[in-house]
Each structure stands twice: as structure tokens, then as C-alpha cells.
């Protein structure tokens, strides 16, 4: 969450894109190579190539790699695709709530007691 809606929108878009890319890569890599560190490294590299091709900022690459690690390397009983979808949903809900709060509760430019 940033201090105003204008500052929050660009980083929110980067986080949304990065999380989506990381969830897709995590779902595939986790399904075929669960807990494999070498496959994780290859997936991180592939995410970098995709993010460069999409011409997104480094923040999206960072968020995609974090999502990949959560989906692929954290052992769970659930299917990797379910974990990926839950992660994407959780982050998306957080983005929407953060943007809504930035819109309805903007940063004040002056202190309430200041008469300047």
C-alpha cells in the first residue's frame, strides 16, 4: 500500500502480473518437479526471460519468484495448482483492498492542528 492511489496503482499492477506469472510457473514446476531445487532455479531463470519479454519492471520479477518459491518449495498436502490459485487469489484480494483503502482514505497533506 502506498500513501496515495496514484503511487499505489503502478506497483499494484506489477505485483498482480508477477504473482500471476509465478503462480503459473509454480503450478507447472511443482506438478512435474515437486521440491526440486534445480527445477526451481530453471523456473526462476525462465520467469526472468518471460518478465523481460513482457517488459515489466523488476518488481514483477521479484513477486513472481516469491510466488514460485511459495508454491513450489513449501511442502503441502494440496495439489500445486490449488496452492498456486490460492496464492494468486490471496494476493489479488490484498491488492484490491489496498487500492480501495488508498482511494477512500487518502493521505492528508496538512496536519489537522496546523493553521499554515
N, C-alpha and C. Protein backbone atom coordinates (compact mmCIF):
# COMPACT_ATOMS: atom_id res chain seq x y z
N UNK A 1 0.84 -1.17 0.00
CA UNK A 1 0.00 0.00 0.00
C UNK A 1 0.89 1.24 0.00
N UNK A 2 0.61 2.16 -0.87
CA UNK A 2 1.36 3.41 -0.94
C UNK A 2 0.54 4.52 -0.30
N UNK A 3 1.11 5.70 -0.19
CA UNK A 3 0.43 6.78 0.50
C UNK A 3 -0.73 7.38 -0.30
N UNK A 4 -0.73 7.19 -1.62
CA UNK A 4 -1.86 7.69 -2.40
C UNK A 4 -2.16 6.72 -3.54
N UNK A 5 -3.33 6.86 -4.13
CA UNK A 5 -3.78 5.93 -5.15
C UNK A 5 -2.89 5.97 -6.39
N UNK A 6 -2.44 7.17 -6.76
CA UNK A 6 -1.58 7.30 -7.94
C UNK A 6 -0.27 6.55 -7.80
N UNK A 7 0.29 6.51 -6.59
CA UNK A 7 1.53 5.78 -6.36
C UNK A 7 1.27 4.29 -6.20
N UNK A 8 0.09 3.92 -5.75
CA UNK A 8 -0.23 2.51 -5.49
C UNK A 8 -0.56 1.74 -6.77
N UNK A 9 -1.14 2.40 -7.76
CA UNK A 9 -1.56 1.69 -8.98
C UNK A 9 -0.42 1.01 -9.74
N UNK A 10 0.68 1.68 -10.02
CA UNK A 10 1.75 1.01 -10.78
C UNK A 10 2.35 -0.20 -10.06
N UNK A 11 2.61 -0.07 -8.77
CA UNK A 11 3.20 -1.20 -8.04
C UNK A 11 2.17 -2.31 -7.89
N UNK A 12 0.91 -1.97 -7.79
CA UNK A 12 -0.14 -3.00 -7.71
C UNK A 12 -0.22 -3.79 -9.00
N UNK A 13 -0.10 -3.12 -10.12
CA UNK A 13 -0.12 -3.81 -11.41
C UNK A 13 1.09 -4.75 -11.53
N UNK A 14 2.26 -4.30 -11.10
CA UNK A 14 3.46 -5.13 -11.14
C UNK A 14 3.29 -6.36 -10.24
N UNK A 15 2.72 -6.15 -9.07
CA UNK A 15 2.51 -7.27 -8.15
C UNK A 15 1.51 -8.27 -8.71
N UNK A 16 0.45 -7.77 -9.32
CA UNK A 16 -0.57 -8.63 -9.92
C UNK A 16 0.03 -9.48 -11.05
N UNK A 17 0.76 -8.83 -11.94
CA UNK A 17 1.38 -9.54 -13.07
C UNK A 17 2.41 -10.56 -12.57
N UNK A 18 3.25 -10.13 -11.66
CA UNK A 18 4.27 -11.02 -11.13
C UNK A 18 3.68 -12.23 -10.42
N UNK A 19 2.65 -12.01 -9.64
CA UNK A 19 2.02 -13.12 -8.93
C UNK A 19 1.37 -14.09 -9.91
N UNK A 20 0.74 -13.57 -10.94
CA UNK A 20 0.12 -14.44 -11.95
C UNK A 20 1.18 -15.29 -12.66
N UNK A 21 2.27 -14.68 -13.07
CA UNK A 21 3.34 -15.42 -13.74
C UNK A 21 3.95 -16.45 -12.80
N UNK A 22 4.21 -16.07 -11.57
CA UNK A 22 4.78 -17.00 -10.59
C UNK A 22 3.85 -18.16 -10.27
N UNK A 23 2.56 -17.89 -10.21
CA UNK A 23 1.59 -18.96 -9.94
C UNK A 23 1.54 -19.97 -11.07
N UNK A 24 1.58 -19.49 -12.31
CA UNK A 24 1.56 -20.40 -13.46
C UNK A 24 2.83 -21.25 -13.48
N UNK A 25 3.97 -20.61 -13.34
CA UNK A 25 5.24 -21.36 -13.33
C UNK A 25 5.31 -22.30 -12.13
N UNK A 26 4.82 -21.85 -10.98
CA UNK A 26 4.82 -22.69 -9.79
C UNK A 26 3.92 -23.90 -9.94
N UNK A 27 2.77 -23.69 -10.57
CA UNK A 27 1.86 -24.81 -10.81
C UNK A 27 2.49 -25.87 -11.69
N UNK A 28 3.10 -25.44 -12.80
CA UNK A 28 3.75 -26.39 -13.71
C UNK A 28 4.96 -27.06 -13.07
N UNK A 29 5.87 -26.25 -12.53
CA UNK A 29 7.10 -26.80 -11.97
C UNK A 29 6.82 -27.66 -10.75
N UNK A 30 5.89 -27.23 -9.92
CA UNK A 30 5.54 -28.00 -8.73
C UNK A 30 4.86 -29.32 -9.05
N UNK A 31 4.12 -29.35 -10.14
CA UNK A 31 3.45 -30.58 -10.54
C UNK A 31 4.45 -31.61 -11.05
N UNK A 32 5.38 -31.17 -11.88
CA UNK A 32 6.31 -32.11 -12.52
C UNK A 32 7.62 -32.29 -11.77
N UNK A 33 8.02 -31.31 -10.95
CA UNK A 33 9.30 -31.39 -10.22
C UNK A 33 9.12 -30.91 -8.78
N UNK A 34 8.27 -31.56 -7.98
CA UNK A 34 8.00 -31.05 -6.63
C UNK A 34 9.24 -31.04 -5.74
N UNK A 35 9.53 -29.89 -5.16
CA UNK A 35 10.64 -29.75 -4.24
C UNK A 35 12.02 -29.86 -4.85
N UNK A 36 12.13 -29.83 -6.16
CA UNK A 36 13.41 -29.97 -6.85
C UNK A 36 14.08 -28.60 -6.96
N UNK A 37 15.21 -28.44 -6.30
CA UNK A 37 15.89 -27.14 -6.28
C UNK A 37 16.44 -26.77 -7.65
N UNK A 38 16.93 -27.73 -8.41
CA UNK A 38 17.44 -27.44 -9.76
C UNK A 38 16.31 -26.95 -10.66
N UNK A 39 15.15 -27.59 -10.58
CA UNK A 39 13.99 -27.15 -11.36
C UNK A 39 13.55 -25.76 -10.92
N UNK A 40 13.67 -25.48 -9.62
CA UNK A 40 13.35 -24.15 -9.11
C UNK A 40 14.25 -23.10 -9.75
N UNK A 41 15.55 -23.38 -9.82
CA UNK A 41 16.49 -22.45 -10.44
C UNK A 41 16.19 -22.21 -11.91
N UNK A 42 15.86 -23.28 -12.63
CA UNK A 42 15.50 -23.15 -14.05
C UNK A 42 14.22 -22.32 -14.18
N UNK A 43 13.26 -22.56 -13.28
CA UNK A 43 12.00 -21.81 -13.33
C UNK A 43 12.22 -20.33 -13.04
N UNK A 44 13.09 -20.01 -12.09
CA UNK A 44 13.41 -18.60 -11.80
C UNK A 44 14.02 -17.94 -13.03
N UNK A 45 14.94 -18.64 -13.68
CA UNK A 45 15.54 -18.10 -14.91
C UNK A 45 14.48 -17.90 -15.99
N UNK A 46 13.60 -18.89 -16.17
CA UNK A 46 12.54 -18.78 -17.19
C UNK A 46 11.59 -17.63 -16.87
N UNK A 47 11.30 -17.43 -15.60
CA UNK A 47 10.45 -16.30 -15.20
C UNK A 47 11.13 -14.99 -15.59
N UNK A 48 12.44 -14.91 -15.38
CA UNK A 48 13.18 -13.71 -15.78
C UNK A 48 13.07 -13.44 -17.26
N UNK A 49 13.16 -14.49 -18.07
CA UNK A 49 13.03 -14.35 -19.52
C UNK A 49 11.63 -13.87 -19.88
N UNK A 50 10.61 -14.47 -19.26
CA UNK A 50 9.22 -14.06 -19.55
C UNK A 50 8.98 -12.62 -19.13
N UNK A 51 9.45 -12.25 -17.95
CA UNK A 51 9.27 -10.86 -17.48
C UNK A 51 9.99 -9.86 -18.39
N UNK A 52 11.16 -10.24 -18.89
CA UNK A 52 11.87 -9.37 -19.83
C UNK A 52 11.09 -9.25 -21.14
N UNK A 53 10.53 -10.37 -21.60
CA UNK A 53 9.74 -10.35 -22.84
C UNK A 53 8.48 -9.51 -22.68
N UNK A 54 7.87 -9.55 -21.48
CA UNK A 54 6.66 -8.75 -21.22
C UNK A 54 7.00 -7.29 -20.92
N UNK A 55 8.30 -7.01 -20.76
CA UNK A 55 8.79 -5.65 -20.46
C UNK A 55 8.17 -5.07 -19.19
N UNK A 56 8.13 -5.91 -18.16
CA UNK A 56 7.65 -5.45 -16.86
C UNK A 56 8.84 -5.07 -16.01
N UNK A 57 8.59 -4.36 -14.93
CA UNK A 57 9.68 -3.91 -14.06
C UNK A 57 10.22 -5.07 -13.23
N UNK A 58 11.34 -4.82 -12.59
CA UNK A 58 11.97 -5.86 -11.76
C UNK A 58 11.09 -6.27 -10.60
N UNK A 59 10.21 -5.39 -10.16
CA UNK A 59 9.31 -5.73 -9.06
C UNK A 59 8.43 -6.91 -9.43
N UNK A 60 7.96 -6.96 -10.67
CA UNK A 60 7.13 -8.09 -11.11
C UNK A 60 7.93 -9.38 -11.08
N UNK A 61 9.18 -9.32 -11.48
CA UNK A 61 10.06 -10.49 -11.44
C UNK A 61 10.25 -10.97 -10.01
N UNK A 62 10.43 -10.02 -9.11
CA UNK A 62 10.61 -10.35 -7.69
C UNK A 62 9.36 -11.03 -7.13
N UNK A 63 8.18 -10.46 -7.42
CA UNK A 63 6.93 -11.05 -6.92
C UNK A 63 6.67 -12.42 -7.55
N UNK A 64 7.02 -12.58 -8.82
CA UNK A 64 6.85 -13.88 -9.48
C UNK A 64 7.74 -14.93 -8.83
N UNK A 65 8.95 -14.56 -8.51
CA UNK A 65 9.88 -15.51 -7.88
C UNK A 65 9.44 -15.88 -6.47
N UNK A 66 8.91 -14.92 -5.75
CA UNK A 66 8.39 -15.21 -4.40
C UNK A 66 7.21 -16.18 -4.49
N UNK A 67 6.30 -15.92 -5.42
CA UNK A 67 5.15 -16.82 -5.59
C UNK A 67 5.61 -18.20 -6.00
N UNK A 68 6.56 -18.28 -6.92
CA UNK A 68 7.11 -19.56 -7.34
C UNK A 68 7.66 -20.33 -6.13
N UNK A 69 8.43 -19.67 -5.28
CA UNK A 69 9.00 -20.33 -4.11
C UNK A 69 7.92 -20.83 -3.16
N UNK A 70 6.90 -20.03 -2.95
CA UNK A 70 5.81 -20.42 -2.05
C UNK A 70 5.07 -21.63 -2.60
N UNK A 71 4.79 -21.62 -3.88
CA UNK A 71 4.03 -22.71 -4.49
C UNK A 71 4.87 -23.97 -4.62
N UNK A 72 6.10 -23.83 -5.03
CA UNK A 72 6.91 -24.99 -5.40
C UNK A 72 7.68 -25.61 -4.24
N UNK A 73 8.22 -24.81 -3.35
CA UNK A 73 9.16 -25.33 -2.36
C UNK A 73 8.56 -25.57 -0.98
N UNK A 74 7.38 -25.03 -0.69
CA UNK A 74 6.77 -25.26 0.61
C UNK A 74 5.92 -26.52 0.51
N UNK A 75 6.28 -27.57 1.26
CA UNK A 75 5.52 -28.83 1.15
C UNK A 75 4.12 -28.70 1.75
N UNK A 76 3.15 -29.18 0.98
CA UNK A 76 1.75 -29.16 1.41
C UNK A 76 1.08 -30.43 0.90
N UNK A 77 -0.05 -30.75 1.50
CA UNK A 77 -0.80 -31.92 1.05
C UNK A 77 -1.63 -31.61 -0.19
N UNK A 78 -1.92 -30.33 -0.42
CA UNK A 78 -2.78 -29.94 -1.54
C UNK A 78 -2.02 -29.98 -2.87
N UNK A 79 -2.77 -30.08 -3.93
CA UNK A 79 -2.25 -30.03 -5.30
C UNK A 79 -1.55 -28.68 -5.52
N UNK A 80 -0.46 -28.67 -6.27
CA UNK A 80 0.29 -27.43 -6.52
C UNK A 80 -0.56 -26.37 -7.21
N UNK A 81 -1.45 -26.80 -8.11
CA UNK A 81 -2.32 -25.84 -8.79
C UNK A 81 -3.29 -25.19 -7.82
N UNK A 82 -3.75 -25.93 -6.83
CA UNK A 82 -4.64 -25.36 -5.82
C UNK A 82 -3.88 -24.34 -4.98
N UNK A 83 -2.65 -24.67 -4.62
CA UNK A 83 -1.81 -23.74 -3.86
C UNK A 83 -1.54 -22.49 -4.68
N UNK A 84 -1.25 -22.66 -5.97
CA UNK A 84 -0.99 -21.51 -6.85
C UNK A 84 -2.22 -20.62 -6.97
N UNK A 85 -3.39 -21.23 -7.13
CA UNK A 85 -4.61 -20.44 -7.25
C UNK A 85 -4.94 -19.72 -5.95
N UNK A 86 -4.71 -20.39 -4.82
CA UNK A 86 -4.95 -19.73 -3.53
C UNK A 86 -4.01 -18.55 -3.35
N UNK A 87 -2.75 -18.72 -3.69
CA UNK A 87 -1.78 -17.63 -3.56
C UNK A 87 -2.17 -16.45 -4.44
N UNK A 88 -2.53 -16.75 -5.69
CA UNK A 88 -2.94 -15.68 -6.60
C UNK A 88 -4.19 -14.97 -6.07
N UNK A 89 -5.16 -15.73 -5.57
CA UNK A 89 -6.39 -15.13 -5.03
C UNK A 89 -6.09 -14.27 -3.81
N UNK A 90 -5.26 -14.77 -2.91
CA UNK A 90 -4.92 -14.01 -1.71
C UNK A 90 -4.24 -12.69 -2.06
N UNK A 91 -3.30 -12.73 -2.97
CA UNK A 91 -2.59 -11.51 -3.36
C UNK A 91 -3.52 -10.55 -4.08
N UNK A 92 -4.37 -11.07 -4.95
CA UNK A 92 -5.32 -10.23 -5.69
C UNK A 92 -6.29 -9.53 -4.74
N UNK A 93 -6.79 -10.26 -3.75
CA UNK A 93 -7.69 -9.65 -2.76
C UNK A 93 -6.95 -8.57 -1.99
N UNK A 94 -5.71 -8.84 -1.61
CA UNK A 94 -4.91 -7.85 -0.90
C UNK A 94 -4.67 -6.59 -1.73
N UNK A 95 -4.45 -6.76 -3.02
CA UNK A 95 -4.26 -5.61 -3.91
C UNK A 95 -5.53 -4.77 -3.97
N UNK A 96 -6.66 -5.42 -4.15
CA UNK A 96 -7.94 -4.70 -4.24
C UNK A 96 -8.23 -3.96 -2.93
N UNK A 97 -8.02 -4.61 -1.80
CA UNK A 97 -8.26 -3.96 -0.50
C UNK A 97 -7.31 -2.78 -0.31
N UNK A 98 -6.04 -2.97 -0.65
CA UNK A 98 -5.08 -1.87 -0.52
C UNK A 98 -5.42 -0.68 -1.39
N UNK A 99 -5.83 -0.94 -2.64
CA UNK A 99 -6.23 0.15 -3.53
C UNK A 99 -7.50 0.84 -3.03
N UNK A 100 -8.44 0.06 -2.53
CA UNK A 100 -9.69 0.64 -2.00
C UNK A 100 -9.38 1.54 -0.80
N UNK A 101 -8.53 1.09 0.09
CA UNK A 101 -8.16 1.91 1.24
C UNK A 101 -7.44 3.18 0.82
N UNK A 102 -6.57 3.06 -0.17
CA UNK A 102 -5.86 4.25 -0.67
C UNK A 102 -6.84 5.24 -1.30
N UNK A 103 -7.90 4.73 -1.91
CA UNK A 103 -8.88 5.61 -2.57
C UNK A 103 -9.81 6.28 -1.56
N UNK A 104 -10.28 5.53 -0.56
CA UNK A 104 -11.26 6.10 0.37
C UNK A 104 -10.63 6.79 1.57
N UNK A 105 -9.37 6.53 1.82
CA UNK A 105 -8.70 7.14 2.96
C UNK A 105 -7.37 7.72 2.51
N UNK A 106 -7.42 8.80 1.70
CA UNK A 106 -6.18 9.36 1.14
C UNK A 106 -5.32 10.03 2.21
N UNK A 107 -4.06 10.17 1.88
CA UNK A 107 -3.12 10.82 2.77
C UNK A 107 -3.47 12.30 2.89
N UNK A 108 -3.43 12.81 4.13
CA UNK A 108 -3.70 14.23 4.34
C UNK A 108 -2.44 15.02 4.03
N UNK A 109 -2.63 16.17 3.37
CA UNK A 109 -1.48 17.00 3.01
C UNK A 109 -1.07 17.94 4.14
N UNK A 110 -2.01 18.30 5.03
CA UNK A 110 -1.70 19.18 6.14
C UNK A 110 -2.07 18.51 7.45
N UNK A 111 -1.39 18.87 8.51
CA UNK A 111 -1.75 18.38 9.83
C UNK A 111 -3.03 19.08 10.26
N UNK A 112 -3.96 18.38 10.94
CA UNK A 112 -5.23 18.98 11.31
C UNK A 112 -5.08 20.19 12.23
N UNK A 113 -4.11 20.23 13.12
CA UNK A 113 -3.95 21.35 14.04
C UNK A 113 -3.12 22.50 13.48
N UNK A 114 -2.55 22.36 12.31
CA UNK A 114 -1.67 23.35 11.73
C UNK A 114 -2.50 24.38 10.97
N UNK A 115 -2.30 25.67 11.22
CA UNK A 115 -3.07 26.75 10.60
C UNK A 115 -2.35 27.36 9.42
N UNK A 116 -1.25 26.77 8.92
CA UNK A 116 -0.48 27.36 7.81
C UNK A 116 -1.22 27.32 6.53
